[in-house]
Amino acid sequence: MPLWCDIGVNLFSNQFDADREQVLQRARTAGVTQLVLIGSDITESHQNIAFCQQHNGCFSTAGVHPHQAAQVSGAWLSELTQLLTLPKVVAVGECGLDFNRDFSPRPVQQQVFAEQLQLAKLSAKPVYLHERDAFATQLAMVTEQRIQHGVAHCFTGDMTQVKAYLDLGLHIGITGWLCDERRGDALRQALQYILLDRLLLETDAPYLLPRDLSPKPASRRNEPAFLPHIATVLANLRQLTTEALATQLLANSQQLFGLPALSGKA
């Protein structure tokens, strides 16, 4: 069985409160043996890290999502600086800009994002990027800070956007959006421009359940065990075997996040 790393799991979503351990076990049974948990604020980052310290193969990002930017405490930056020294923390984020919902004022989003970009450079950690309806502004900020080490998490953009990120040296995180025949066409076209050594796979669980998954869970909840389904779609689009894809993606995860190496098969 090919082995996989899911680089985007919101494991402390309340949707997983009743069966978090079982979600992890189902992932491992499906060959998803490494998970990167997403920290959307300081509290969730602490929760993730505590879980990761008790579970092999689990790692975490640490940061502040743009939705949470207006809620940061006065000490958030020093707290985040400390978290980034922990061995289970592999990236800064989820951070970026979200001009679609504007849950935090845009100037506040930009300030909190800029602080995290600077911290990523100081800590030599990759940036874990979120962006929605803010591409031009985000690209300008990332370019200004000369960020070359990170991932465009949950990328759903087009060829122009993917080329811009690749030119900076960033990786691209692909989700089950790829499996949506209604909305995924631009992503499927952009996929052809992504070098294999820049690809990463993620579920963004519990969100973005692949539309073509059959049978679908009664909960309509996505989880890491479904990552191999997304991988099969991706492998077919790139005319690769799933084994070859798994080997490449594990190498990519190790290279970007410093994860321990695994063999390509169970």
C-alpha atoms as a PDB file:
ATOM      1  CA  MET A   1       0.000   0.000   0.000  1.00  0.00           C
ATOM      2  CA  PRO A   2       1.412   3.445  -0.873  1.00  0.00           C
ATOM      3  CA  LEU A   3       2.102   5.723   2.096  1.00  0.00           C
ATOM      4  CA  TRP A   4       0.905   9.323   2.210  1.00  0.00           C
ATOM      5  CA  CYS A   5       1.280  12.551   4.126  1.00  0.00           C
ATOM      6  CA  ASP A   6      -1.827  14.715   4.539  1.00  0.00           C
ATOM      7  CA  ILE A   7      -0.357  18.213   4.892  1.00  0.00           C
ATOM      8  CA  GLY A   8      -3.631  19.878   5.909  1.00  0.00           C
ATOM      9  CA  VAL A   9      -5.901  18.586   8.693  1.00  0.00           C
ATOM     10  CA  ASN A  10      -8.075  20.688  11.008  1.00  0.00           C
ATOM     11  CA  LEU A  11      -8.088  17.941  13.606  1.00  0.00           C
ATOM     12  CA  PHE A  12      -9.347  20.164  16.414  1.00  0.00           C
ATOM     13  CA  SER A  13     -12.453  21.167  14.533  1.00  0.00           C
ATOM     14  CA  ASN A  14     -15.427  20.396  16.752  1.00  0.00           C
ATOM     15  CA  GLN A  15     -16.569  17.993  14.030  1.00  0.00           C
ATOM     16  CA  PHE A  16     -13.870  15.620  15.301  1.00  0.00           C
ATOM     17  CA  ASP A  17     -14.571  15.991  19.015  1.00  0.00           C
ATOM     18  CA  ALA A  18     -16.348  12.619  19.295  1.00  0.00           C
ATOM     19  CA  ASP A  19     -13.846  10.439  17.414  1.00  0.00           C
ATOM     20  CA  ARG A  20     -10.466  12.168  17.028  1.00  0.00           C
ATOM     21  CA  GLU A  21      -8.463   9.041  17.849  1.00  0.00           C
ATOM     22  CA  GLN A  22     -10.550   6.923  15.475  1.00  0.00           C
ATOM     23  CA  VAL A  23      -9.989   9.458  12.671  1.00  0.00           C
ATOM     24  CA  LEU A  24      -6.254   9.036  13.168  1.00  0.00           C
ATOM     25  CA  GLN A  25      -6.551   5.248  13.162  1.00  0.00           C
ATOM     26  CA  ARG A  26      -8.634   5.227   9.971  1.00  0.00           C
ATOM     27  CA  ALA A  27      -6.030   7.425   8.329  1.00  0.00           C
ATOM     28  CA  ARG A  28      -3.244   5.019   9.223  1.00  0.00           C
ATOM     29  CA  THR A  29      -5.263   2.060   7.975  1.00  0.00           C
ATOM     30  CA  ALA A  30      -5.611   3.880   4.629  1.00  0.00           C
ATOM     31  CA  GLY A  31      -1.844   4.443   4.429  1.00  0.00           C
ATOM     32  CA  VAL A  32      -1.928   8.087   5.556  1.00  0.00           C
ATOM     33  CA  THR A  33       0.843   7.755   8.110  1.00  0.00           C
ATOM     34  CA  GLN A  34       1.891  11.399   8.462  1.00  0.00           C
ATOM     35  CA  LEU A  35      -0.424  14.327   9.201  1.00  0.00           C
ATOM     36  CA  VAL A  36       0.249  18.046   9.445  1.00  0.00           C
ATOM     37  CA  LEU A  37      -2.344  19.637  11.727  1.00  0.00           C
ATOM     38  CA  ILE A  38      -3.310  23.236  10.956  1.00  0.00           C
ATOM     39  CA  GLY A  39      -3.018  25.889  13.652  1.00  0.00           C
ATOM     40  CA  SER A  40      -5.438  28.736  12.966  1.00  0.00           C
ATOM     41  CA  ASP A  41      -4.706  30.641  16.176  1.00  0.00           C
ATOM     42  CA  ILE A  42      -2.439  30.351  19.208  1.00  0.00           C
ATOM     43  CA  THR A  43      -4.938  28.247  21.181  1.00  0.00           C
ATOM     44  CA  GLU A  44      -5.445  25.713  18.404  1.00  0.00           C
ATOM     45  CA  SER A  45      -1.700  25.580  17.807  1.00  0.00           C
ATOM     46  CA  HIS A  46      -1.210  24.611  21.467  1.00  0.00           C
ATOM     47  CA  GLN A  47      -3.919  21.924  21.136  1.00  0.00           C
ATOM     48  CA  ASN A  48      -2.297  20.522  18.025  1.00  0.00           C
ATOM     49  CA  ILE A  49       1.160  20.428  19.566  1.00  0.00           C
ATOM     50  CA  ALA A  50      -0.035  18.623  22.684  1.00  0.00           C
ATOM     51  CA  PHE A  51      -1.729  16.012  20.477  1.00  0.00           C
ATOM     52  CA  CYS A  52       1.326  15.641  18.252  1.00  0.00           C
ATOM     53  CA  GLN A  53       3.596  15.105  21.230  1.00  0.00           C
ATOM     54  CA  GLN A  54       1.492  12.045  22.085  1.00  0.00           C
ATOM     55  CA  HIS A  55       1.106  10.649  18.554  1.00  0.00           C
ATOM     56  CA  ASN A  56       3.846   9.519  16.211  1.00  0.00           C
ATOM     57  CA  GLY A  57       3.588  10.782  12.652  1.00  0.00           C
ATOM     58  CA  CYS A  58       1.682  13.937  13.617  1.00  0.00           C
ATOM     59  CA  PHE A  59       3.114  17.431  13.204  1.00  0.00           C
ATOM     60  CA  SER A  60       1.655  20.914  13.432  1.00  0.00           C
ATOM     61  CA  THR A  61       1.784  24.378  12.012  1.00  0.00           C
ATOM     62  CA  ALA A  62       1.562  27.329  14.412  1.00  0.00           C
ATOM     63  CA  GLY A  63       0.154  30.704  13.487  1.00  0.00           C
ATOM     64  CA  VAL A  64      -2.823  33.013  13.124  1.00  0.00           C
ATOM     65  CA  HIS A  65      -5.386  32.711  10.327  1.00  0.00           C
ATOM     66  CA  PRO A  66      -6.613  36.025   8.859  1.00  0.00           C
ATOM     67  CA  HIS A  67     -10.083  35.338  10.275  1.00  0.00           C
ATOM     68  CA  GLN A  68      -8.521  35.435  13.748  1.00  0.00           C
ATOM     69  CA  ALA A  69      -6.213  38.396  13.192  1.00  0.00           C
ATOM     70  CA  ALA A  70      -8.386  40.892  15.087  1.00  0.00           C
ATOM     71  CA  GLN A  71      -8.526  38.622  18.138  1.00  0.00           C
ATOM     72  CA  VAL A  72      -4.805  38.279  18.844  1.00  0.00           C
ATOM     73  CA  SER A  73      -3.568  39.062  22.334  1.00  0.00           C
ATOM     74  CA  GLY A  74      -0.861  41.576  23.065  1.00  0.00           C
ATOM     75  CA  ALA A  75       1.639  38.745  23.578  1.00  0.00           C
ATOM     76  CA  TRP A  76       0.708  36.685  20.537  1.00  0.00           C
ATOM     77  CA  LEU A  77       3.936  37.246  18.645  1.00  0.00           C
ATOM     78  CA  SER A  78       6.182  36.234  21.527  1.00  0.00           C
ATOM     79  CA  GLU A  79       3.980  33.178  22.171  1.00  0.00           C
ATOM     80  CA  LEU A  80       4.207  32.184  18.514  1.00  0.00           C
ATOM     81  CA  THR A  81       7.964  32.704  18.522  1.00  0.00           C
ATOM     82  CA  GLN A  82       8.238  30.219  21.387  1.00  0.00           C
ATOM     83  CA  LEU A  83       5.967  27.676  19.700  1.00  0.00           C
ATOM     84  CA  LEU A  84       8.124  27.715  16.592  1.00  0.00           C
ATOM     85  CA  THR A  85      11.068  26.401  18.593  1.00  0.00           C
ATOM     86  CA  LEU A  86       9.235  23.142  19.372  1.00  0.00           C
ATOM     87  CA  PRO A  87      10.316  20.100  17.340  1.00  0.00           C
ATOM     88  CA  LYS A  88       6.765  19.109  16.322  1.00  0.00           C
ATOM     89  CA  VAL A  89       6.092  22.549  14.764  1.00  0.00           C
ATOM     90  CA  VAL A  90       6.980  22.484  11.078  1.00  0.00           C
ATOM     91  CA  ALA A  91       5.570  25.714   9.576  1.00  0.00           C
ATOM     92  CA  VAL A  92       4.310  29.230  10.310  1.00  0.00           C
ATOM     93  CA  GLY A  93       0.588  29.595   9.739  1.00  0.00           C
ATOM     94  CA  GLU A  94      -2.064  29.127   8.632  1.00  0.00           C
ATOM     95  CA  CYS A  95      -1.529  32.777   7.752  1.00  0.00           C
ATOM     96  CA  GLY A  96      -2.396  35.075   4.897  1.00  0.00           C
ATOM     97  CA  LEU A  97      -5.237  37.283   3.708  1.00  0.00           C
ATOM     98  CA  ASP A  98      -8.961  36.654   3.295  1.00  0.00           C
ATOM     99  CA  PHE A  99     -10.812  39.487   1.566  1.00  0.00           C
ATOM    100  CA  ASN A 100     -13.821  37.263   0.863  1.00  0.00           C
ATOM    101  CA  ARG A 101     -15.295  37.236   4.351  1.00  0.00           C
ATOM    102  CA  ASP A 102     -13.334  40.050   6.011  1.00  0.00           C
ATOM    103  CA  PHE A 103     -13.842  38.613   9.492  1.00  0.00           C
ATOM    104  CA  SER A 104     -10.908  40.818  10.496  1.00  0.00           C
ATOM    105  CA  PRO A 105     -10.333  44.333   9.071  1.00  0.00           C
ATOM    106  CA  ARG A 106      -7.991  44.202   6.095  1.00  0.00           C
ATOM    107  CA  PRO A 107      -5.297  46.455   7.611  1.00  0.00           C
ATOM    108  CA  VAL A 108      -5.232  44.203  10.685  1.00  0.00           C
ATOM    109  CA  GLN A 109      -4.997  41.092   8.512  1.00  0.00           C
ATOM    110  CA  GLN A 110      -2.066  42.601   6.654  1.00  0.00           C
ATOM    111  CA  GLN A 111      -0.228  43.590   9.813  1.00  0.00           C
ATOM    112  CA  VAL A 112      -0.613  40.166  11.434  1.00  0.00           C
ATOM    113  CA  PHE A 113       0.371  38.483   8.167  1.00  0.00           C
ATOM    114  CA  ALA A 114       3.453  40.681   7.755  1.00  0.00           C
ATOM    115  CA  GLU A 115       4.584  39.843  11.290  1.00  0.00           C
ATOM    116  CA  GLN A 116       4.307  36.127  10.532  1.00  0.00           C
ATOM    117  CA  LEU A 117       6.204  36.443   7.266  1.00  0.00           C
ATOM    118  CA  GLN A 118       9.041  38.133   9.120  1.00  0.00           C
ATOM    119  CA  LEU A 119       8.936  35.490  11.831  1.00  0.00           C
ATOM    120  CA  ALA A 120       9.104  32.737   9.219  1.00  0.00           C
ATOM    121  CA  LYS A 121      12.330  34.201   7.894  1.00  0.00           C
ATOM    122  CA  LEU A 122      13.809  34.576  11.366  1.00  0.00           C
ATOM    123  CA  SER A 123      12.881  31.016  12.347  1.00  0.00           C
ATOM    124  CA  ALA A 124      13.769  29.509   8.944  1.00  0.00           C
ATOM    125  CA  LYS A 125      10.367  27.796   8.911  1.00  0.00           C
ATOM    126  CA  PRO A 126       8.210  27.452   5.779  1.00  0.00           C
ATOM    127  CA  VAL A 127       5.107  29.634   5.514  1.00  0.00           C
ATOM    128  CA  TYR A 128       1.707  27.919   5.394  1.00  0.00           C
ATOM    129  CA  LEU A 129      -0.366  30.298   3.268  1.00  0.00           C
ATOM    130  CA  HIS A 130      -4.103  30.985   3.140  1.00  0.00           C
ATOM    131  CA  GLU A 131      -5.538  33.307   0.498  1.00  0.00           C
ATOM    132  CA  ARG A 132      -9.050  34.109  -0.645  1.00  0.00           C
ATOM    133  CA  ASP A 133      -9.978  36.965  -2.968  1.00  0.00           C
ATOM    134  CA  ALA A 134      -6.736  38.712  -2.028  1.00  0.00           C
ATOM    135  CA  PHE A 135      -4.199  37.279  -4.448  1.00  0.00           C
ATOM    136  CA  ALA A 136      -2.617  40.506  -5.736  1.00  0.00           C
ATOM    137  CA  THR A 137      -2.105  41.952  -2.263  1.00  0.00           C
ATOM    138  CA  GLN A 138      -0.837  38.680  -0.839  1.00  0.00           C
ATOM    139  CA  LEU A 139       1.564  38.088  -3.712  1.00  0.00           C
ATOM    140  CA  ALA A 140       2.966  41.594  -3.288  1.00  0.00           C
ATOM    141  CA  MET A 141       3.548  41.035   0.441  1.00  0.00           C
ATOM    142  CA  VAL A 142       5.148  37.619  -0.013  1.00  0.00           C
ATOM    143  CA  THR A 143       7.340  38.982  -2.801  1.00  0.00           C
ATOM    144  CA  GLU A 144       8.377  42.013  -0.754  1.00  0.00           C
ATOM    145  CA  GLN A 145       9.438  39.758   2.115  1.00  0.00           C
ATOM    146  CA  ARG A 146      11.310  37.496  -0.336  1.00  0.00           C
ATOM    147  CA  ILE A 147       9.544  34.406   0.898  1.00  0.00           C
ATOM    148  CA  GLN A 148      10.783  31.373  -1.047  1.00  0.00           C
ATOM    149  CA  HIS A 149       9.964  28.576   1.368  1.00  0.00           C
ATOM    150  CA  GLY A 150       6.355  27.590   1.934  1.00  0.00           C
ATOM    151  CA  VAL A 151       3.107  26.192   0.562  1.00  0.00           C
ATOM    152  CA  ALA A 152       0.002  27.733  -0.957  1.00  0.00           C
ATOM    153  CA  HIS A 153      -2.397  25.735   1.208  1.00  0.00           C
ATOM    154  CA  CYS A 154      -5.666  24.560  -0.329  1.00  0.00           C
ATOM    155  CA  PHE A 155      -4.840  26.117  -3.692  1.00  0.00           C
ATOM    156  CA  THR A 156      -7.912  26.611  -5.905  1.00  0.00           C
ATOM    157  CA  GLY A 157      -6.560  29.241  -8.289  1.00  0.00           C
ATOM    158  CA  ASP A 158      -5.742  29.380 -11.981  1.00  0.00           C
ATOM    159  CA  MET A 159      -2.661  29.077 -14.177  1.00  0.00           C
ATOM    160  CA  THR A 160      -1.570  32.686 -13.637  1.00  0.00           C
ATOM    161  CA  GLN A 161      -1.693  32.329  -9.879  1.00  0.00           C
ATOM    162  CA  VAL A 162       0.050  28.973  -9.769  1.00  0.00           C
ATOM    163  CA  LYS A 163       2.867  30.255 -11.992  1.00  0.00           C
ATOM    164  CA  ALA A 164       3.357  33.256  -9.701  1.00  0.00           C
ATOM    165  CA  TYR A 165       3.673  31.032  -6.631  1.00  0.00           C
ATOM    166  CA  LEU A 166       5.991  28.607  -8.411  1.00  0.00           C
ATOM    167  CA  ASP A 167       8.210  31.475  -9.555  1.00  0.00           C
ATOM    168  CA  LEU A 168       8.698  32.378  -5.896  1.00  0.00           C
ATOM    169  CA  GLY A 169       9.783  28.821  -5.141  1.00  0.00           C
ATOM    170  CA  LEU A 170       6.658  27.806  -3.230  1.00  0.00           C
ATOM    171  CA  HIS A 171       4.926  24.435  -3.078  1.00  0.00           C
ATOM    172  CA  ILE A 172       1.255  23.961  -4.001  1.00  0.00           C
ATOM    173  CA  GLY A 173      -1.226  22.147  -1.756  1.00  0.00           C
ATOM    174  CA  ILE A 174      -3.893  20.238  -3.697  1.00  0.00           C
ATOM    175  CA  THR A 175      -7.201  19.171  -2.102  1.00  0.00           C
ATOM    176  CA  GLY A 176     -10.402  17.400  -3.118  1.00  0.00           C
ATOM    177  CA  TRP A 177     -11.338  20.589  -4.988  1.00  0.00           C
ATOM    178  CA  LEU A 178      -9.595  18.739  -7.820  1.00  0.00           C
ATOM    179  CA  CYS A 179     -12.439  16.198  -7.762  1.00  0.00           C
ATOM    180  CA  ASP A 180     -15.251  18.730  -8.254  1.00  0.00           C
ATOM    181  CA  GLU A 181     -16.467  18.708 -11.857  1.00  0.00           C
ATOM    182  CA  ARG A 182     -18.378  21.956 -11.259  1.00  0.00           C
ATOM    183  CA  ARG A 183     -15.671  24.144  -9.731  1.00  0.00           C
ATOM    184  CA  GLY A 184     -12.367  22.364 -10.241  1.00  0.00           C
ATOM    185  CA  ASP A 185     -11.701  22.969 -13.943  1.00  0.00           C
ATOM    186  CA  ALA A 186      -9.300  25.896 -13.477  1.00  0.00           C
ATOM    187  CA  LEU A 187      -7.347  23.895 -10.902  1.00  0.00           C
ATOM    188  CA  ARG A 188      -7.159  20.857 -13.174  1.00  0.00           C
ATOM    189  CA  GLN A 189      -5.725  23.060 -15.926  1.00  0.00           C
ATOM    190  CA  ALA A 190      -3.262  24.730 -13.545  1.00  0.00           C
ATOM    191  CA  LEU A 191      -2.163  21.315 -12.309  1.00  0.00           C
ATOM    192  CA  GLN A 192      -0.400  20.666 -15.605  1.00  0.00           C
ATOM    193  CA  TYR A 193       2.024  23.517 -14.863  1.00  0.00           C
ATOM    194  CA  ILE A 194       3.051  22.334 -11.406  1.00  0.00           C
ATOM    195  CA  LEU A 195       6.370  20.525 -11.261  1.00  0.00           C
ATOM    196  CA  LEU A 196       6.043  17.205  -9.466  1.00  0.00           C
ATOM    197  CA  ASP A 197       8.605  18.220  -6.855  1.00  0.00           C
ATOM    198  CA  ARG A 198       6.395  21.171  -5.845  1.00  0.00           C
ATOM    199  CA  LEU A 199       3.170  19.196  -5.297  1.00  0.00           C
ATOM    200  CA  LEU A 200       1.683  18.371  -1.910  1.00  0.00           C
ATOM    201  CA  LEU A 201      -1.626  16.687  -1.057  1.00  0.00           C
ATOM    202  CA  GLU A 202      -4.072  17.611   1.688  1.00  0.00           C
ATOM    203  CA  THR A 203      -7.666  16.967   2.651  1.00  0.00           C
ATOM    204  CA  ASP A 204      -8.344  20.181   4.629  1.00  0.00           C
ATOM    205  CA  ALA A 205     -10.516  17.834   6.706  1.00  0.00           C
ATOM    206  CA  PRO A 206     -13.256  18.071   7.856  1.00  0.00           C
ATOM    207  CA  TYR A 207     -13.894  20.423   4.919  1.00  0.00           C
ATOM    208  CA  LEU A 208     -13.840  19.831   1.144  1.00  0.00           C
ATOM    209  CA  LEU A 209     -15.162  16.282   1.006  1.00  0.00           C
ATOM    210  CA  PRO A 210     -14.352  15.106  -2.546  1.00  0.00           C
ATOM    211  CA  ARG A 211     -17.518  15.513  -4.579  1.00  0.00           C
ATOM    212  CA  ASP A 212     -16.905  12.301  -6.538  1.00  0.00           C
ATOM    213  CA  LEU A 213     -16.224  10.124  -3.484  1.00  0.00           C
ATOM    214  CA  SER A 214     -18.457   7.048  -3.446  1.00  0.00           C
ATOM    215  CA  PRO A 215     -19.897   6.008  -1.142  1.00  0.00           C
ATOM    216  CA  LYS A 216     -19.937   9.264   0.775  1.00  0.00           C
ATOM    217  CA  PRO A 217     -19.916   9.161   4.586  1.00  0.00           C
ATOM    218  CA  ALA A 218     -23.282   9.842   6.184  1.00  0.00           C
ATOM    219  CA  SER A 219     -21.693  12.705   8.120  1.00  0.00           C
ATOM    220  CA  ARG A 220     -20.596  14.426   4.860  1.00  0.00           C
ATOM    221  CA  ARG A 221     -17.381  15.075   6.749  1.00  0.00           C
ATOM    222  CA  ASN A 222     -13.984  14.824   5.102  1.00  0.00           C
ATOM    223  CA  GLU A 223     -11.130  13.075   6.883  1.00  0.00           C
ATOM    224  CA  PRO A 224      -7.518  12.070   6.172  1.00  0.00           C
ATOM    225  CA  ALA A 225      -8.495   8.494   5.263  1.00  0.00           C
ATOM    226  CA  PHE A 226      -9.921   9.894   2.020  1.00  0.00           C
ATOM    227  CA  LEU A 227      -6.574  11.343   0.882  1.00  0.00           C
ATOM    228  CA  PRO A 228      -5.765   8.276  -1.287  1.00  0.00           C
ATOM    229  CA  HIS A 229      -8.941   8.980  -3.283  1.00  0.00           C
ATOM    230  CA  ILE A 230      -7.677  12.482  -4.130  1.00  0.00           C
ATOM    231  CA  ALA A 231      -4.278  10.981  -4.914  1.00  0.00           C
ATOM    232  CA  THR A 232      -5.815   8.564  -7.413  1.00  0.00           C
ATOM    233  CA  VAL A 233      -7.520  11.430  -9.259  1.00  0.00           C
ATOM    234  CA  LEU A 234      -4.271  13.402  -9.254  1.00  0.00           C
ATOM    235  CA  ALA A 235      -2.231  10.425 -10.463  1.00  0.00           C
ATOM    236  CA  ASN A 236      -4.637   9.834 -13.343  1.00  0.00           C
ATOM    237  CA  LEU A 237      -4.514  13.490 -14.398  1.00  0.00           C
ATOM    238  CA  ARG A 238      -0.720  13.460 -14.380  1.00  0.00           C
ATOM    239  CA  GLN A 239      -0.504   9.976 -15.933  1.00  0.00           C
ATOM    240  CA  LEU A 240       1.424   8.518 -13.000  1.00  0.00           C
ATOM    241  CA  THR A 241       1.040   5.406 -10.914  1.00  0.00           C
ATOM    242  CA  THR A 242      -0.165   6.034  -7.384  1.00  0.00           C
ATOM    243  CA  GLU A 243       3.049   4.398  -6.136  1.00  0.00           C
ATOM    244  CA  ALA A 244       5.236   6.836  -8.067  1.00  0.00           C
ATOM    245  CA  LEU A 245       3.126   9.756  -6.889  1.00  0.00           C
ATOM    246  CA  ALA A 246       3.301   8.644  -3.256  1.00  0.00           C
ATOM    247  CA  THR A 247       7.070   8.368  -3.383  1.00  0.00           C
ATOM    248  CA  GLN A 248       7.402  11.847  -4.859  1.00  0.00           C
ATOM    249  CA  LEU A 249       4.959  13.471  -2.458  1.00  0.00           C
ATOM    250  CA  LEU A 250       6.579  11.936   0.612  1.00  0.00           C
ATOM    251  CA  ALA A 251       9.912  13.330  -0.579  1.00  0.00           C
ATOM    252  CA  ASN A 252       8.294  16.736  -1.104  1.00  0.00           C
ATOM    253  CA  SER A 253       6.822  16.742   2.416  1.00  0.00           C
ATOM    254  CA  GLN A 254      10.154  15.794   3.894  1.00  0.00           C
ATOM    255  CA  GLN A 255      11.947  18.487   1.925  1.00  0.00           C
ATOM    256  CA  LEU A 256       9.560  21.312   2.797  1.00  0.00           C
ATOM    257  CA  PHE A 257       8.623  20.510   6.388  1.00  0.00           C
ATOM    258  CA  GLY A 258      11.643  18.486   7.476  1.00  0.00           C
ATOM    259  CA  LEU A 259       9.504  15.409   8.152  1.00  0.00           C
ATOM    260  CA  PRO A 260      11.190  12.050   8.700  1.00  0.00           C
ATOM    261  CA  ALA A 261      11.532   9.897   5.616  1.00  0.00           C
ATOM    262  CA  LEU A 262       9.247   6.923   5.037  1.00  0.00           C
ATOM    263  CA  SER A 263       9.446   4.227   2.414  1.00  0.00           C
ATOM    264  CA  GLY A 264       6.978   4.553  -0.445  1.00  0.00           C
ATOM    265  CA  LYS A 265       4.953   1.442   0.504  1.00  0.00           C
ATOM    266  CA  ALA A 266       3.596  -0.214   3.617  1.00  0.00           C
END
